[in-house]
Protein backbone atom coordinates (compact mmCIF):
# COMPACT_ATOMS: atom_id res chain seq x y z
CA MET A 1 37.68 -41.97 -5.43
CA ILE A 2 34.30 -41.46 -7.14
CA ARG A 3 31.92 -38.73 -6.49
CA ILE A 4 28.53 -39.21 -7.08
CA ASN A 5 26.60 -36.42 -7.23
CA LEU A 6 23.13 -37.51 -5.15
CA LEU A 7 21.40 -33.94 -5.57
CA PRO A 8 18.82 -35.06 -7.68
CA HIS A 9 18.34 -38.01 -5.65
CA ARG A 10 17.97 -35.76 -2.34
CA GLU A 11 15.71 -33.16 -4.62
CA LEU A 12 13.48 -36.12 -5.52
CA ARG A 13 12.93 -37.20 -2.18
CA ARG A 14 12.17 -33.74 -1.12
CA LYS A 15 9.47 -33.23 -3.51
CA ALA A 16 8.03 -36.45 -2.65
CA ARG A 17 7.81 -35.56 0.97
CA GLN A 18 6.51 -31.98 0.08
CA GLN A 19 3.52 -33.59 -1.91
CA GLN A 20 2.89 -36.46 0.92
CA ILE A 21 2.74 -33.30 3.30
CA ALA A 22 0.57 -31.47 0.78
CA GLY A 23 -1.69 -34.35 0.13
CA LEU A 24 -1.98 -35.07 4.12
CA ALA A 25 -2.57 -31.34 4.69
CA GLY A 26 -5.46 -31.43 1.99
CA LEU A 27 -6.99 -34.62 3.30
CA VAL A 28 -6.62 -33.17 7.01
CA GLY A 29 -8.37 -29.78 5.81
CA LEU A 30 -11.15 -31.86 4.04
CA LEU A 31 -11.57 -33.98 7.47
CA ALA A 32 -11.72 -30.84 9.58
CA ILE A 33 -14.26 -29.39 6.98
CA ALA A 34 -16.49 -32.57 7.09
CA VAL A 35 -16.44 -32.61 11.08
CA VAL A 36 -17.32 -28.46 11.51
CA MET A 37 -20.28 -29.69 9.09
CA SER A 38 -21.37 -32.50 11.07
CA ILE A 39 -21.40 -30.33 14.07
CA HIS A 40 -23.40 -27.75 12.61
CA THR A 41 -25.74 -30.18 11.13
CA ILE A 42 -26.10 -31.47 14.49
CA SER A 43 -26.25 -28.59 16.21
CA ALA A 44 -28.99 -27.33 13.78
CA GLY A 45 -30.95 -30.29 14.36
CA LYS A 46 -31.35 -29.60 18.21
CA ILE A 47 -32.11 -26.00 17.97
CA ASP A 48 -34.90 -26.82 15.32
CA TYR A 49 -35.81 -29.42 18.32
CA GLN A 50 -35.75 -27.03 20.92
CA ASN A 51 -37.81 -24.66 18.61
CA GLY A 52 -40.11 -27.31 18.14
CA ARG A 53 -40.63 -27.98 21.78
CA ASN A 54 -40.69 -24.31 22.65
CA GLN A 55 -43.37 -23.19 20.17
CA TYR A 56 -45.77 -26.51 21.66
CA LEU A 57 -45.15 -24.64 25.36
CA THR A 58 -46.18 -21.44 23.81
CA ASP A 59 -49.20 -23.06 22.47
CA GLN A 60 -50.10 -24.59 25.60
CA ILE A 61 -49.65 -21.80 27.41
CA ALA A 62 -52.16 -19.88 25.24
CA LEU A 63 -54.28 -22.54 25.74
CA LEU A 64 -54.13 -22.23 29.28
CA ASP A 65 -54.64 -18.83 29.35
CA LYS A 66 -57.80 -19.14 27.52
CA GLU A 67 -58.96 -21.39 30.21
CA ILE A 68 -57.63 -18.97 32.87
CA ALA A 69 -60.21 -16.54 31.17
CA GLU A 70 -62.81 -18.90 31.33
CA ILE A 71 -62.46 -19.50 34.75
CA GLY A 72 -62.60 -15.70 35.92
CA GLU A 73 -65.72 -15.27 33.78
CA ILE A 74 -67.38 -18.55 35.68
CA LYS A 75 -66.29 -16.90 38.96
CA ALA A 76 -67.75 -13.76 38.05
CA GLN A 77 -71.06 -15.41 36.86
CA THR A 78 -71.11 -17.42 40.29
CA GLN A 79 -70.65 -14.16 41.88
CA GLU A 80 -73.66 -12.99 40.25
CA LEU A 81 -75.78 -15.86 41.17
CA ILE A 82 -74.79 -16.08 44.49
CA ALA A 83 -75.83 -12.17 45.18
CA ARG A 84 -79.12 -13.11 43.33
CA LYS A 85 -79.88 -16.24 45.66
CA GLN A 86 -79.25 -13.87 48.58
CA VAL A 87 -81.78 -11.45 47.31
CA VAL A 88 -84.32 -14.17 46.58
CA GLU A 89 -83.54 -15.33 50.00
CA THR A 90 -83.89 -12.38 51.89
CA LEU A 91 -87.26 -11.50 49.83
CA GLN A 92 -88.89 -14.77 50.64
CA SER A 93 -87.76 -14.70 54.53
CA SER A 94 -89.34 -11.18 54.55
CA ARG A 95 -92.46 -12.63 52.60
CA SER A 96 -92.50 -15.50 55.41
CA GLU A 97 -92.56 -13.03 57.95
CA TRP A 98 -95.05 -11.06 56.32
CA ARG A 99 -97.30 -14.14 55.82
CA ILE A 100 -96.69 -14.99 59.57
CA PHE A 101 -97.64 -11.61 60.51
CA THR A 102 -100.82 -11.23 58.43
CA GLU A 103 -101.93 -15.22 60.00
CA CYS A 104 -101.26 -13.52 63.39
CA GLN A 105 -103.84 -10.83 62.65
CA THR A 106 -106.23 -12.92 61.10
CA ARG A 107 -106.54 -15.33 63.83
CA ARG A 108 -106.78 -12.16 66.63
CA SER A 109 -110.08 -10.93 64.91
């Protein structure tokens, strides 16, 4: 019986299989890196978008705070004007009472 040595053939197949596995591992590694980078890019975009929205809201809140301060000032001015109006009304009413009193005095005389 003739013996054929298949060791070199098996070793060549083994090396070819290892090269295929190494190539696939490299390809999977590159694919994984691409997926991670794309997820990172998408996440960074969403974070930037949300930061923009937060900044817009902060600006709007600052504007509303200014308006609230102006409303407070207007209320204070309104209260001052109401107080002045009441003083004027009391002066007018006392003046008219005095006029009526003086008219009554002049009629009696």
